[in-house]
PDB file of N, CA and C in Angstrom:
ATOM      1  N   MET A   1       5.434  11.949 -12.807  1.00  0.00           N
ATOM      2  CA  MET A   1       5.730  11.308 -14.063  1.00  0.00           C
ATOM      3  C   MET A   1       7.217  11.442 -14.386  1.00  0.00           C
ATOM      4  N   ILE A   2       7.715  10.422 -15.010  1.00  0.00           N
ATOM      5  CA  ILE A   2       9.114  10.398 -15.426  1.00  0.00           C
ATOM      6  C   ILE A   2       9.135  10.243 -16.935  1.00  0.00           C
ATOM      7  N   ASN A   3       9.854  11.125 -17.603  1.00  0.00           N
ATOM      8  CA  ASN A   3       9.995  11.018 -19.043  1.00  0.00           C
ATOM      9  C   ASN A   3      11.330  10.349 -19.323  1.00  0.00           C
ATOM     10  N   TYR A   4      11.258   9.203 -19.984  1.00  0.00           N
ATOM     11  CA  TYR A   4      12.467   8.448 -20.311  1.00  0.00           C
ATOM     12  C   TYR A   4      12.419   8.091 -21.781  1.00  0.00           C
ATOM     13  N   GLN A   5      13.376   8.565 -22.524  1.00  0.00           N
ATOM     14  CA  GLN A   5      13.488   8.324 -23.956  1.00  0.00           C
ATOM     15  C   GLN A   5      12.183   8.650 -24.680  1.00  0.00           C
ATOM     16  N   GLY A   6      11.589   9.798 -24.292  1.00  0.00           N
ATOM     17  CA  GLY A   6      10.400  10.283 -24.965  1.00  0.00           C
ATOM     18  C   GLY A   6       9.087   9.673 -24.502  1.00  0.00           C
ATOM     19  N   GLU A   7       9.135   8.753 -23.559  1.00  0.00           N
ATOM     20  CA  GLU A   7       7.912   8.139 -23.038  1.00  0.00           C
ATOM     21  C   GLU A   7       7.717   8.551 -21.593  1.00  0.00           C
ATOM     22  N   ASP A   8       6.443   8.713 -21.205  1.00  0.00           N
ATOM     23  CA  ASP A   8       6.110   9.065 -19.830  1.00  0.00           C
ATOM     24  C   ASP A   8       5.764   7.814 -19.028  1.00  0.00           C
ATOM     25  N   PHE A   9       6.325   7.733 -17.846  1.00  0.00           N
ATOM     26  CA  PHE A   9       6.095   6.613 -16.946  1.00  0.00           C
ATOM     27  C   PHE A   9       5.725   7.144 -15.568  1.00  0.00           C
ATOM     28  N   THR A  10       4.887   6.402 -14.847  1.00  0.00           N
ATOM     29  CA  THR A  10       4.677   6.725 -13.438  1.00  0.00           C
ATOM     30  C   THR A  10       5.902   6.220 -12.692  1.00  0.00           C
ATOM     31  N   GLU A  11       6.069   6.677 -11.461  1.00  0.00           N
ATOM     32  CA  GLU A  11       7.198   6.205 -10.659  1.00  0.00           C
ATOM     33  C   GLU A  11       7.100   4.696 -10.447  1.00  0.00           C
ATOM     34  N   THR A  12       5.890   4.203 -10.262  1.00  0.00           N
ATOM     35  CA  THR A  12       5.699   2.761 -10.065  1.00  0.00           C
ATOM     36  C   THR A  12       6.140   1.986 -11.296  1.00  0.00           C
ATOM     37  N   GLU A  13       5.773   2.458 -12.467  1.00  0.00           N
ATOM     38  CA  GLU A  13       6.175   1.784 -13.699  1.00  0.00           C
ATOM     39  C   GLU A  13       7.690   1.847 -13.884  1.00  0.00           C
ATOM     40  N   PHE A  14       8.272   3.010 -13.618  1.00  0.00           N
ATOM     41  CA  PHE A  14       9.697   3.205 -13.877  1.00  0.00           C
ATOM     42  C   PHE A  14      10.585   2.463 -12.886  1.00  0.00           C
ATOM     43  N   TYR A  15      10.207   2.475 -11.608  1.00  0.00           N
ATOM     44  CA  TYR A  15      11.028   1.841 -10.579  1.00  0.00           C
ATOM     45  C   TYR A  15      10.483   0.481 -10.151  1.00  0.00           C
ATOM     46  N   GLY A  16       9.536  -0.045 -10.879  1.00  0.00           N
ATOM     47  CA  GLY A  16       8.901  -1.313 -10.524  1.00  0.00           C
ATOM     48  C   GLY A  16       9.868  -2.472 -10.399  1.00  0.00           C
ATOM     49  N   ARG A  17      10.837  -2.561 -11.298  1.00  0.00           N
ATOM     50  CA  ARG A  17      11.793  -3.669 -11.260  1.00  0.00           C
ATOM     51  C   ARG A  17      12.611  -3.645  -9.978  1.00  0.00           C
ATOM     52  N   GLU A  18      13.091  -2.480  -9.602  1.00  0.00           N
ATOM     53  CA  GLU A  18      13.891  -2.358  -8.390  1.00  0.00           C
ATOM     54  C   GLU A  18      13.051  -2.660  -7.149  1.00  0.00           C
ATOM     55  N   ILE A  19      11.832  -2.154  -7.142  1.00  0.00           N
ATOM     56  CA  ILE A  19      10.940  -2.379  -6.009  1.00  0.00           C
ATOM     57  C   ILE A  19      10.567  -3.851  -5.903  1.00  0.00           C
ATOM     58  N   LEU A  20      10.247  -4.482  -7.027  1.00  0.00           N
ATOM     59  CA  LEU A  20       9.908  -5.907  -7.023  1.00  0.00           C
ATOM     60  C   LEU A  20      11.080  -6.744  -6.532  1.00  0.00           C
ATOM     61  N   GLU A  21      12.282  -6.415  -6.960  1.00  0.00           N
ATOM     62  CA  GLU A  21      13.471  -7.135  -6.506  1.00  0.00           C
ATOM     63  C   GLU A  21      13.609  -7.043  -4.982  1.00  0.00           C
ATOM     64  N   ALA A  22      13.386  -5.857  -4.440  1.00  0.00           N
ATOM     65  CA  ALA A  22      13.473  -5.671  -2.986  1.00  0.00           C
ATOM     66  C   ALA A  22      12.383  -6.467  -2.268  1.00  0.00           C
ATOM     67  N   ILE A  23      11.175  -6.473  -2.810  1.00  0.00           N
ATOM     68  CA  ILE A  23      10.074  -7.239  -2.222  1.00  0.00           C
ATOM     69  C   ILE A  23      10.422  -8.716  -2.180  1.00  0.00           C
ATOM     70  N   GLN A  24      10.942  -9.228  -3.274  1.00  0.00           N
ATOM     71  CA  GLN A  24      11.281 -10.651  -3.354  1.00  0.00           C
ATOM     72  C   GLN A  24      12.356 -11.041  -2.348  1.00  0.00           C
ATOM     73  N   LEU A  25      13.275 -10.150  -2.072  1.00  0.00           N
ATOM     74  CA  LEU A  25      14.346 -10.445  -1.123  1.00  0.00           C
ATOM     75  C   LEU A  25      13.881 -10.416   0.333  1.00  0.00           C
ATOM     76  N   THR A  26      12.746  -9.778   0.606  1.00  0.00           N
ATOM     77  CA  THR A  26      12.275  -9.685   1.976  1.00  0.00           C
ATOM     78  C   THR A  26      11.529 -10.938   2.432  1.00  0.00           C
ATOM     79  N   ASN A  27      11.009 -11.708   1.481  1.00  0.00           N
ATOM     80  CA  ASN A  27      10.178 -12.883   1.797  1.00  0.00           C
ATOM     81  C   ASN A  27       8.933 -12.500   2.580  1.00  0.00           C
ATOM     82  N   LYS A  28       8.467 -11.261   2.442  1.00  0.00           N
ATOM     83  CA  LYS A  28       7.239 -10.791   3.083  1.00  0.00           C
ATOM     84  C   LYS A  28       6.374 -10.148   2.012  1.00  0.00           C
ATOM     85  N   PHE A  29       5.115 -10.573   1.958  1.00  0.00           N
ATOM     86  CA  PHE A  29       4.217  -9.978   0.969  1.00  0.00           C
ATOM     87  C   PHE A  29       2.840  -9.832   1.557  1.00  0.00           C
ATOM     88  N   PRO A  30       2.242  -8.666   1.474  1.00  0.00           N
ATOM     89  CA  PRO A  30       2.873  -7.421   1.033  1.00  0.00           C
ATOM     90  C   PRO A  30       3.933  -6.973   2.031  1.00  0.00           C
ATOM     91  N   THR A  31       4.894  -6.299   1.540  1.00  0.00           N
ATOM     92  CA  THR A  31       6.034  -5.886   2.359  1.00  0.00           C
ATOM     93  C   THR A  31       5.726  -4.571   3.071  1.00  0.00           C
ATOM     94  N   PRO A  32       5.906  -4.520   4.390  1.00  0.00           N
ATOM     95  CA  PRO A  32       5.703  -3.258   5.111  1.00  0.00           C
ATOM     96  C   PRO A  32       6.676  -2.181   4.609  1.00  0.00           C
ATOM     97  N   LYS A  33       6.243  -0.941   4.658  1.00  0.00           N
ATOM     98  CA  LYS A  33       7.036   0.179   4.160  1.00  0.00           C
ATOM     99  C   LYS A  33       8.437   0.204   4.762  1.00  0.00           C
ATOM    100  N   LYS A  34       8.543   0.085   6.067  1.00  0.00           N
ATOM    101  CA  LYS A  34       9.846   0.151   6.736  1.00  0.00           C
ATOM    102  C   LYS A  34      10.777  -0.946   6.228  1.00  0.00           C
ATOM    103  N   VAL A  35      10.266  -2.143   6.065  1.00  0.00           N
ATOM    104  CA  VAL A  35      11.071  -3.278   5.600  1.00  0.00           C
ATOM    105  C   VAL A  35      11.509  -3.060   4.150  1.00  0.00           C
ATOM    106  N   LEU A  36      10.600  -2.547   3.327  1.00  0.00           N
ATOM    107  CA  LEU A  36      10.927  -2.292   1.921  1.00  0.00           C
ATOM    108  C   LEU A  36      12.014  -1.232   1.798  1.00  0.00           C
ATOM    109  N   ILE A  37      11.907  -0.174   2.579  1.00  0.00           N
ATOM    110  CA  ILE A  37      12.932   0.877   2.560  1.00  0.00           C
ATOM    111  C   ILE A  37      14.282   0.325   3.031  1.00  0.00           C
ATOM    112  N   GLU A  38      14.262  -0.465   4.091  1.00  0.00           N
ATOM    113  CA  GLU A  38      15.509  -1.058   4.594  1.00  0.00           C
ATOM    114  C   GLU A  38      16.148  -1.978   3.551  1.00  0.00           C
ATOM    115  N   MET A  39      15.334  -2.746   2.842  1.00  0.00           N
ATOM    116  CA  MET A  39      15.876  -3.655   1.829  1.00  0.00           C
ATOM    117  C   MET A  39      16.452  -2.865   0.650  1.00  0.00           C
ATOM    118  N   LEU A  40      15.772  -1.819   0.233  1.00  0.00           N
ATOM    119  CA  LEU A  40      16.317  -0.991  -0.848  1.00  0.00           C
ATOM    120  C   LEU A  40      17.638  -0.356  -0.420  1.00  0.00           C
ATOM    121  N   GLU A  41      17.717   0.101   0.818  1.00  0.00           N
ATOM    122  CA  GLU A  41      18.961   0.682   1.334  1.00  0.00           C
ATOM    123  C   GLU A  41      20.082  -0.365   1.339  1.00  0.00           C
ATOM    124  N   GLU A  42      19.763  -1.555   1.775  1.00  0.00           N
ATOM    125  CA  GLU A  42      20.752  -2.639   1.788  1.00  0.00           C
ATOM    126  C   GLU A  42      21.223  -2.957   0.373  1.00  0.00           C
ATOM    127  N   MET A  43      20.296  -2.996  -0.560  1.00  0.00           N
ATOM    128  CA  MET A  43      20.658  -3.273  -1.950  1.00  0.00           C
ATOM    129  C   MET A  43      21.564  -2.188  -2.516  1.00  0.00           C
ATOM    130  N   ILE A  44      21.291  -0.944  -2.169  1.00  0.00           N
ATOM    131  CA  ILE A  44      22.123   0.172  -2.629  1.00  0.00           C
ATOM    132  C   ILE A  44      23.551   0.007  -2.116  1.00  0.00           C
ATOM    133  N   HIS A  45      23.691  -0.311  -0.830  1.00  0.00           N
ATOM    134  CA  HIS A  45      25.030  -0.472  -0.263  1.00  0.00           C
ATOM    135  C   HIS A  45      25.758  -1.685  -0.838  1.00  0.00           C
ATOM    136  N   GLU A  46      25.041  -2.785  -1.030  1.00  0.00           N
ATOM    137  CA  GLU A  46      25.673  -3.997  -1.550  1.00  0.00           C
ATOM    138  C   GLU A  46      26.110  -3.844  -2.995  1.00  0.00           C
ATOM    139  N   GLN A  47      25.367  -3.082  -3.773  1.00  0.00           N
ATOM    140  CA  GLN A  47      25.640  -2.980  -5.200  1.00  0.00           C
ATOM    141  C   GLN A  47      26.410  -1.720  -5.580  1.00  0.00           C
ATOM    142  N   PHE A  48      26.774  -0.936  -4.591  1.00  0.00           N
ATOM    143  CA  PHE A  48      27.394   0.366  -4.830  1.00  0.00           C
ATOM    144  C   PHE A  48      28.532   0.309  -5.843  1.00  0.00           C
ATOM    145  N   ASN A  49      29.424  -0.636  -5.714  1.00  0.00           N
ATOM    146  CA  ASN A  49      30.580  -0.732  -6.615  1.00  0.00           C
ATOM    147  C   ASN A  49      30.399  -1.761  -7.721  1.00  0.00           C
ATOM    148  N   LEU A  50      29.236  -2.384  -7.788  1.00  0.00           N
ATOM    149  CA  LEU A  50      29.031  -3.476  -8.742  1.00  0.00           C
ATOM    150  C   LEU A  50      28.234  -3.093  -9.983  1.00  0.00           C
ATOM    151  N   ILE A  51      27.441  -2.031  -9.891  1.00  0.00           N
ATOM    152  CA  ILE A  51      26.597  -1.653 -11.024  1.00  0.00           C
ATOM    153  C   ILE A  51      26.914  -0.222 -11.442  1.00  0.00           C
ATOM    154  N   ASP A  52      26.490   0.129 -12.667  1.00  0.00           N
ATOM    155  CA  ASP A  52      26.800   1.478 -13.152  1.00  0.00           C
ATOM    156  C   ASP A  52      25.984   2.530 -12.411  1.00  0.00           C
ATOM    157  N   LYS A  53      26.408   3.758 -12.534  1.00  0.00           N
ATOM    158  CA  LYS A  53      25.827   4.860 -11.770  1.00  0.00           C
ATOM    159  C   LYS A  53      24.341   5.055 -12.076  1.00  0.00           C
ATOM    160  N   GLU A  54      23.942   4.917 -13.333  1.00  0.00           N
ATOM    161  CA  GLU A  54      22.541   5.110 -13.702  1.00  0.00           C
ATOM    162  C   GLU A  54      21.645   4.065 -13.025  1.00  0.00           C
ATOM    163  N   GLU A  55      22.079   2.825 -13.042  1.00  0.00           N
ATOM    164  CA  GLU A  55      21.296   1.767 -12.406  1.00  0.00           C
ATOM    165  C   GLU A  55      21.247   1.968 -10.884  1.00  0.00           C
ATOM    166  N   LEU A  56      22.364   2.353 -10.298  1.00  0.00           N
ATOM    167  CA  LEU A  56      22.403   2.631  -8.867  1.00  0.00           C
ATOM    168  C   LEU A  56      21.446   3.773  -8.514  1.00  0.00           C
ATOM    169  N   ASN A  57      21.416   4.792  -9.357  1.00  0.00           N
ATOM    170  CA  ASN A  57      20.496   5.910  -9.132  1.00  0.00           C
ATOM    171  C   ASN A  57      19.039   5.460  -9.169  1.00  0.00           C
ATOM    172  N   ASN A  58      18.729   4.465  -9.988  1.00  0.00           N
ATOM    173  CA  ASN A  58      17.363   3.952 -10.017  1.00  0.00           C
ATOM    174  C   ASN A  58      16.975   3.353  -8.665  1.00  0.00           C
ATOM    175  N   TYR A  59      17.887   2.640  -8.028  1.00  0.00           N
ATOM    176  CA  TYR A  59      17.615   2.093  -6.688  1.00  0.00           C
ATOM    177  C   TYR A  59      17.449   3.220  -5.668  1.00  0.00           C
ATOM    178  N   ILE A  60      18.285   4.224  -5.776  1.00  0.00           N
ATOM    179  CA  ILE A  60      18.207   5.354  -4.848  1.00  0.00           C
ATOM    180  C   ILE A  60      16.878   6.086  -5.008  1.00  0.00           C
ATOM    181  N   HIS A  61      16.488   6.335  -6.246  1.00  0.00           N
ATOM    182  CA  HIS A  61      15.230   7.036  -6.497  1.00  0.00           C
ATOM    183  C   HIS A  61      14.021   6.169  -6.147  1.00  0.00           C
ATOM    184  N   ALA A  62      14.136   4.867  -6.337  1.00  0.00           N
ATOM    185  CA  ALA A  62      13.055   3.958  -5.940  1.00  0.00           C
ATOM    186  C   ALA A  62      12.847   4.040  -4.426  1.00  0.00           C
ATOM    187  N   LYS A  63      13.931   4.062  -3.680  1.00  0.00           N
ATOM    188  CA  LYS A  63      13.840   4.186  -2.219  1.00  0.00           C
ATOM    189  C   LYS A  63      13.195   5.515  -1.836  1.00  0.00           C
ATOM    190  N   LYS A  64      13.625   6.600  -2.465  1.00  0.00           N
ATOM    191  CA  LYS A  64      13.048   7.911  -2.168  1.00  0.00           C
ATOM    192  C   LYS A  64      11.558   7.943  -2.498  1.00  0.00           C
ATOM    193  N   TYR A  65      11.180   7.282  -3.582  1.00  0.00           N
ATOM    194  CA  TYR A  65       9.771   7.223  -3.966  1.00  0.00           C
ATOM    195  C   TYR A  65       8.966   6.475  -2.912  1.00  0.00           C
ATOM    196  N   VAL A  66       9.454   5.321  -2.477  1.00  0.00           N
ATOM    197  CA  VAL A  66       8.747   4.533  -1.464  1.00  0.00           C
ATOM    198  C   VAL A  66       8.613   5.336  -0.171  1.00  0.00           C
ATOM    199  N   GLN A  67       9.612   6.119   0.172  1.00  0.00           N
ATOM    200  CA  GLN A  67       9.567   6.931   1.390  1.00  0.00           C
ATOM    201  C   GLN A  67       8.440   7.959   1.356  1.00  0.00           C
ATOM    202  N   THR A  68       8.011   8.376   0.168  1.00  0.00           N
ATOM    203  CA  THR A  68       6.951   9.377   0.060  1.00  0.00           C
ATOM    204  C   THR A  68       5.554   8.779   0.221  1.00  0.00           C
ATOM    205  N   LEU A  69       5.449   7.466   0.210  1.00  0.00           N
ATOM    206  CA  LEU A  69       4.156   6.793   0.233  1.00  0.00           C
ATOM    207  C   LEU A  69       3.705   6.471   1.655  1.00  0.00           C
ATOM    208  N   THR A  70       2.402   6.348   1.820  1.00  0.00           N
ATOM    209  CA  THR A  70       1.858   5.895   3.092  1.00  0.00           C
ATOM    210  C   THR A  70       1.953   4.372   3.153  1.00  0.00           C
ATOM    211  N   GLU A  71       1.710   3.819   4.317  1.00  0.00           N
ATOM    212  CA  GLU A  71       1.753   2.359   4.475  1.00  0.00           C
ATOM    213  C   GLU A  71       0.735   1.677   3.546  1.00  0.00           C
ATOM    214  N   ASP A  72      -0.458   2.240   3.431  1.00  0.00           N
ATOM    215  CA  ASP A  72      -1.472   1.664   2.540  1.00  0.00           C
ATOM    216  C   ASP A  72      -1.056   1.762   1.074  1.00  0.00           C
ATOM    217  N   GLU A  73      -0.428   2.862   0.712  1.00  0.00           N
ATOM    218  CA  GLU A  73       0.045   3.016  -0.669  1.00  0.00           C
ATOM    219  C   GLU A  73       1.155   2.020  -0.978  1.00  0.00           C
ATOM    220  N   VAL A  74       2.010   1.742  -0.004  1.00  0.00           N
ATOM    221  CA  VAL A  74       3.072   0.749  -0.197  1.00  0.00           C
ATOM    222  C   VAL A  74       2.458  -0.639  -0.385  1.00  0.00           C
ATOM    223  N   LYS A  75       1.432  -0.930   0.380  1.00  0.00           N
ATOM    224  CA  LYS A  75       0.745  -2.216   0.232  1.00  0.00           C
ATOM    225  C   LYS A  75       0.190  -2.352  -1.187  1.00  0.00           C
ATOM    226  N   ASN A  76      -0.469  -1.309  -1.673  1.00  0.00           N
ATOM    227  CA  ASN A  76      -0.992  -1.330  -3.045  1.00  0.00           C
ATOM    228  C   ASN A  76       0.133  -1.421  -4.065  1.00  0.00           C
ATOM    229  N   LEU A  77       1.241  -0.740  -3.791  1.00  0.00           N
ATOM    230  CA  LEU A  77       2.403  -0.776  -4.666  1.00  0.00           C
ATOM    231  C   LEU A  77       2.930  -2.201  -4.798  1.00  0.00           C
ATOM    232  N   CYS A  78       2.970  -2.927  -3.695  1.00  0.00           N
ATOM    233  CA  CYS A  78       3.446  -4.310  -3.712  1.00  0.00           C
ATOM    234  C   CYS A  78       2.628  -5.159  -4.687  1.00  0.00           C
ATOM    235  N   PHE A  79       1.315  -5.018  -4.617  1.00  0.00           N
ATOM    236  CA  PHE A  79       0.447  -5.776  -5.500  1.00  0.00           C
ATOM    237  C   PHE A  79       0.600  -5.326  -6.955  1.00  0.00           C
ATOM    238  N   GLU A  80       0.755  -4.028  -7.157  1.00  0.00           N
ATOM    239  CA  GLU A  80       0.878  -3.494  -8.506  1.00  0.00           C
ATOM    240  C   GLU A  80       2.153  -3.971  -9.204  1.00  0.00           C
ATOM    241  N   VAL A  81       3.292  -3.914  -8.515  1.00  0.00           N
ATOM    242  CA  VAL A  81       4.534  -4.327  -9.162  1.00  0.00           C
ATOM    243  C   VAL A  81       4.604  -5.846  -9.321  1.00  0.00           C
ATOM    244  N   LYS A  82       3.926  -6.576  -8.451  1.00  0.00           N
ATOM    245  CA  LYS A  82       3.897  -8.031  -8.599  1.00  0.00           C
ATOM    246  C   LYS A  82       3.117  -8.449  -9.843  1.00  0.00           C
ATOM    247  N   ASP A  83       2.031  -7.716 -10.110  1.00  0.00           N
ATOM    248  CA  ASP A  83       1.212  -8.018 -11.297  1.00  0.00           C
ATOM    249  C   ASP A  83       1.928  -7.564 -12.545  1.00  0.00           C
TER     250      ASP A  83
END
């Protein structure tokens, strides 16, 4: 759980926007774990100097979160963030 401004969020809820953005850029649905991690890494490098540190950290933490999941959990994650 992540507490942000007094509210509790799951990692999926908190990093959903970043994960959904990466999914959309892959043109693969559901997106395989390896591809999703690679896309998040690419987004981090491309946006490194373009966005503020807090937003960049959200992409970094989203990638770390996806890395902790199994392939089946990533598949479910894809459907969850899309909905």
